[in-house]
Amino acid sequence: MREPAHTELPDATSATSVVPPARTRTNNPQRTMTDILAVATREFAERGLSGARIDAIAESTQTSKRMIYYYFGSKKGLYLAVLEKAYQDIRDIETESHLETLPPKEALRKLVAFTYDHHFANPEFIRLVANENLHRGEFLAQSPTIRELNATAITTLSAICERGIQAGVFRPGIDALDLHMSISSLCVFNVANRHTFSLIFKYDFDDAQTIAKRRESVVEMVMRFVCLTA
């Protein structure tokens, strides 16, 4: 694999010192990129864009800074790739759930429960989104991929609602985007506010029964809002 002619280099490297990137794992470049993205996700979620260190990512993946820049172009390029993969993962799981094959009530219950479970099991995703909001969506706006991915989320939910209305089990006039926002809000809170909320109200977010009870509560709130009868 040859280095592209205009690959962006680390800030401290001058144009006169260009050498080929380290080839520690060129036998499986896809695996190398996957490993880099996994470690970078943790680094950016924990420290944000400005605090994340490419040196730390390189060390954890047993590769080099030059190889990371070779694959992703820059630190910002790697950050954007992490964001894209985070959204890609959640949309892929939704697709694999085959919600279109389920009755509308069952499909909506499964979608809400999945969203709750995914966010709770992937706090790094919530921190990444929070960090991107601190940047006012600057980098997300640079990615048409993310916008396209999330458009499918509304399409999926809209189709479930339409089927439910036609079946006479969902009330008419449901706005899929508004419903998606409500589901996200209910599911994100449990991760984004868990530390402050647990300290103030002595609420145990680590207790399995508490987690399951809250999950069912979130599902029921959405179902009662959407269904003609509970």
Protein backbone atom coordinates (compact mmCIF):
# COMPACT_ATOMS: atom_id res chain seq x y z
CA MET A 1 0.00 0.00 0.00
CA ARG A 2 1.56 3.32 -1.06
CA GLU A 3 1.13 6.51 0.87
CA PRO A 4 -1.10 9.02 -1.00
CA ALA A 5 0.74 12.06 -2.30
CA HIS A 6 -1.20 14.56 -0.14
CA THR A 7 -1.59 12.65 3.12
CA GLU A 8 -1.86 15.12 6.03
CA LEU A 9 1.00 14.78 8.50
CA PRO A 10 1.15 15.45 12.24
CA ASP A 11 1.60 19.13 12.99
CA ALA A 12 5.17 18.62 14.23
CA THR A 13 6.33 16.92 11.01
CA SER A 14 7.72 19.06 8.22
CA ALA A 15 7.10 18.41 4.54
CA THR A 16 10.80 17.70 4.03
CA SER A 17 10.85 14.73 6.42
CA VAL A 18 8.19 12.60 4.75
CA VAL A 19 8.86 8.88 5.06
CA PRO A 20 6.54 5.95 4.44
CA PRO A 21 4.22 5.15 7.37
CA ALA A 22 5.12 2.36 9.74
CA ARG A 23 4.07 -1.02 8.41
CA THR A 24 3.59 -2.89 11.64
CA ARG A 25 0.24 -4.44 10.63
CA THR A 26 -0.10 -4.02 6.87
CA ASN A 27 -1.05 -7.70 6.56
CA ASN A 28 -4.55 -6.76 7.73
CA PRO A 29 -5.20 -3.03 7.23
CA GLN A 30 -8.94 -3.37 7.84
CA ARG A 31 -8.34 -4.89 11.25
CA THR A 32 -5.82 -2.18 12.02
CA MET A 33 -8.35 0.53 11.19
CA THR A 34 -11.03 -1.23 13.26
CA ASP A 35 -8.69 -1.43 16.25
CA ILE A 36 -7.72 2.23 15.88
CA LEU A 37 -11.39 3.28 15.77
CA ALA A 38 -12.22 1.22 18.87
CA VAL A 39 -9.43 2.76 20.93
CA ALA A 40 -10.03 6.24 19.50
CA THR A 41 -13.70 5.99 20.48
CA ARG A 42 -12.71 5.52 24.12
CA GLU A 43 -10.08 8.25 23.95
CA PHE A 44 -12.36 10.87 22.37
CA ALA A 45 -15.31 9.94 24.60
CA GLU A 46 -13.17 10.28 27.71
CA ARG A 47 -11.12 13.35 26.82
CA GLY A 48 -12.94 15.12 24.00
CA LEU A 49 -11.36 16.24 20.75
CA SER A 50 -8.87 18.67 22.25
CA GLY A 51 -7.80 16.42 25.11
CA ALA A 52 -7.47 13.17 23.15
CA ARG A 53 -3.90 12.13 22.33
CA ILE A 54 -2.91 10.40 19.12
CA ASP A 55 0.19 9.08 20.95
CA ALA A 56 -2.05 7.22 23.41
CA ILE A 57 -4.15 5.74 20.61
CA ALA A 58 -1.04 4.61 18.75
CA GLU A 59 0.43 3.00 21.85
CA SER A 60 -2.78 1.15 22.71
CA THR A 61 -3.13 -0.21 19.17
CA GLN A 62 0.56 -1.10 18.81
CA THR A 63 0.82 1.01 15.70
CA SER A 64 2.32 4.42 14.99
CA LYS A 65 1.08 7.99 14.76
CA ARG A 66 2.14 8.02 11.13
CA MET A 67 0.00 4.98 10.36
CA ILE A 68 -3.01 6.62 12.03
CA TYR A 69 -2.50 9.77 9.96
CA TYR A 70 -2.01 7.60 6.89
CA TYR A 71 -5.45 6.00 7.35
CA PHE A 72 -7.42 8.98 8.66
CA GLY A 73 -5.53 12.05 7.45
CA SER A 74 -5.54 14.00 10.71
CA LYS A 75 -6.73 13.98 14.30
CA LYS A 76 -9.95 15.66 13.21
CA GLY A 77 -10.34 13.10 10.44
CA LEU A 78 -10.05 10.30 12.99
CA TYR A 79 -12.58 12.02 15.26
CA LEU A 80 -15.05 12.31 12.39
CA ALA A 81 -14.53 8.63 11.50
CA VAL A 82 -15.28 7.73 15.14
CA LEU A 83 -18.53 9.71 15.02
CA GLU A 84 -19.57 8.06 11.77
CA LYS A 85 -18.91 4.58 13.11
CA ALA A 86 -20.82 5.28 16.33
CA TYR A 87 -23.94 6.21 14.39
CA GLN A 88 -23.38 3.44 11.85
CA ASP A 89 -23.34 0.82 14.61
CA ILE A 90 -26.69 1.80 16.10
CA ARG A 91 -28.37 2.07 12.70
CA ASP A 92 -26.95 -1.32 11.63
CA ILE A 93 -28.42 -3.03 14.69
CA GLU A 94 -31.80 -1.43 14.01
CA THR A 95 -31.69 -2.78 10.46
CA GLU A 96 -30.72 -6.25 11.65
CA SER A 97 -33.72 -6.25 14.02
CA HIS A 98 -36.07 -6.51 10.99
CA LEU A 99 -38.69 -4.34 12.67
CA GLU A 100 -40.69 -4.24 9.46
CA THR A 101 -41.59 -7.90 9.92
CA LEU A 102 -43.14 -7.40 13.37
CA PRO A 103 -46.65 -6.19 14.27
CA PRO A 104 -46.50 -2.40 14.89
CA LYS A 105 -46.88 -2.57 18.68
CA GLU A 106 -44.21 -5.22 19.00
CA ALA A 107 -41.94 -3.35 16.61
CA LEU A 108 -42.21 -0.10 18.58
CA ARG A 109 -41.65 -1.85 21.90
CA LYS A 110 -38.57 -3.55 20.50
CA LEU A 111 -37.21 -0.30 19.07
CA VAL A 112 -37.61 1.62 22.34
CA ALA A 113 -36.16 -1.23 24.42
CA PHE A 114 -33.23 -1.57 22.04
CA THR A 115 -32.51 2.16 22.19
CA TYR A 116 -32.54 2.05 25.99
CA ASP A 117 -30.27 -1.01 26.09
CA HIS A 118 -27.85 0.35 23.48
CA HIS A 119 -27.39 3.69 25.19
CA PHE A 120 -27.02 2.13 28.62
CA ALA A 121 -24.45 -0.37 27.36
CA ASN A 122 -22.55 2.23 25.31
CA PRO A 123 -21.98 5.30 27.47
CA GLU A 124 -19.13 6.28 25.16
CA PHE A 125 -21.70 6.97 22.43
CA ILE A 126 -23.54 9.39 24.70
CA ARG A 127 -20.32 11.14 25.70
CA LEU A 128 -19.30 11.48 22.05
CA VAL A 129 -22.64 13.08 21.23
CA ALA A 130 -22.33 15.38 24.24
CA ASN A 131 -18.81 16.40 23.18
CA GLU A 132 -20.01 17.09 19.65
CA ASN A 133 -22.75 19.30 21.05
CA LEU A 134 -20.06 21.30 22.83
CA HIS A 135 -18.63 21.87 19.36
CA ARG A 136 -22.13 22.90 18.20
CA GLY A 137 -22.19 20.01 15.74
CA GLU A 138 -19.23 21.43 13.80
CA PHE A 139 -17.79 18.09 12.77
CA LEU A 140 -21.05 16.22 12.43
CA ALA A 141 -22.07 18.88 9.89
CA GLN A 142 -19.10 17.85 7.75
CA SER A 143 -20.40 14.31 7.36
CA PRO A 144 -23.24 13.62 4.91
CA THR A 145 -22.88 9.98 5.96
CA ILE A 146 -24.16 10.72 9.48
CA ARG A 147 -27.09 12.73 8.19
CA GLU A 148 -28.05 9.94 5.79
CA LEU A 149 -27.75 7.30 8.52
CA ASN A 150 -30.01 9.17 10.89
CA ALA A 151 -32.56 9.89 8.19
CA THR A 152 -33.17 6.15 8.06
CA ALA A 153 -34.03 6.18 11.76
CA ILE A 154 -36.93 8.52 11.07
CA THR A 155 -37.98 6.51 8.03
CA THR A 156 -38.06 3.33 10.09
CA LEU A 157 -40.07 4.89 12.91
CA SER A 158 -42.43 6.59 10.49
CA ALA A 159 -43.16 3.25 8.80
CA ILE A 160 -43.93 1.62 12.17
CA CYS A 161 -46.30 4.45 13.10
CA GLU A 162 -48.06 4.33 9.75
CA ARG A 163 -48.60 0.59 10.04
CA GLY A 164 -49.95 1.04 13.55
CA ILE A 165 -52.38 3.73 12.43
CA GLN A 166 -53.60 1.58 9.56
CA ALA A 167 -54.05 -1.35 11.96
CA GLY A 168 -56.09 0.83 14.30
CA VAL A 169 -53.73 0.46 17.26
CA PHE A 170 -51.85 3.79 17.10
CA ARG A 171 -53.48 7.20 17.25
CA PRO A 172 -53.31 9.33 14.10
CA GLY A 173 -51.19 12.48 13.82
CA ILE A 174 -47.98 11.07 15.27
CA ASP A 175 -44.90 13.01 14.16
CA ALA A 176 -42.08 10.47 13.74
CA LEU A 177 -39.32 13.04 14.29
CA ASP A 178 -40.94 14.29 17.49
CA LEU A 179 -41.40 10.71 18.70
CA HIS A 180 -37.78 9.88 17.91
CA MET A 181 -36.70 12.90 19.94
CA SER A 182 -38.82 11.78 22.90
CA ILE A 183 -37.45 8.24 22.79
CA SER A 184 -33.88 9.54 22.60
CA SER A 185 -34.47 11.93 25.51
CA LEU A 186 -35.83 9.20 27.76
CA CYS A 187 -32.99 6.83 26.93
CA VAL A 188 -30.10 9.30 26.95
CA PHE A 189 -30.93 10.75 30.39
CA ASN A 190 -30.11 7.47 32.13
CA VAL A 191 -26.54 7.69 30.88
CA ALA A 192 -25.86 11.41 30.57
CA ASN A 193 -27.17 12.25 34.05
CA ARG A 194 -26.53 9.03 35.94
CA HIS A 195 -23.78 10.39 38.20
CA THR A 196 -25.48 13.61 39.27
CA PHE A 197 -28.91 11.99 39.53
CA SER A 198 -27.64 9.04 41.57
CA LEU A 199 -25.80 11.32 43.99
CA ILE A 200 -28.73 13.68 44.51
CA PHE A 201 -31.47 11.06 44.80
CA LYS A 202 -29.47 7.99 45.93
CA TYR A 203 -30.60 6.17 42.79
CA ASP A 204 -28.64 3.01 42.01
CA PHE A 205 -27.97 2.84 38.27
CA ASP A 206 -25.87 -0.29 38.77
CA ASP A 207 -28.68 -2.40 40.22
CA ALA A 208 -30.04 -4.89 37.65
CA GLN A 209 -33.61 -4.71 38.95
CA THR A 210 -33.54 -0.90 38.92
CA ILE A 211 -32.25 -0.89 35.35
CA ALA A 212 -34.95 -3.35 34.19
CA LYS A 213 -37.71 -1.42 35.96
CA ARG A 214 -36.62 1.86 34.39
CA ARG A 215 -36.38 0.18 30.98
CA GLU A 216 -39.97 -1.04 31.21
CA SER A 217 -41.10 2.36 32.43
CA VAL A 218 -39.56 4.07 29.40
CA VAL A 219 -41.16 1.56 27.03
CA GLU A 220 -44.57 1.97 28.67
CA MET A 221 -44.43 5.78 28.54
CA VAL A 222 -43.84 5.68 24.81
CA MET A 223 -46.50 3.03 24.20
CA ARG A 224 -49.13 4.91 26.22
CA PHE A 225 -48.34 8.07 24.27
CA VAL A 226 -48.71 6.36 20.90
CA CYS A 227 -51.36 3.67 21.38
CA LEU A 228 -55.11 4.21 21.24
CA THR A 229 -55.42 1.85 24.20
CA ALA A 230 -52.69 0.87 26.64
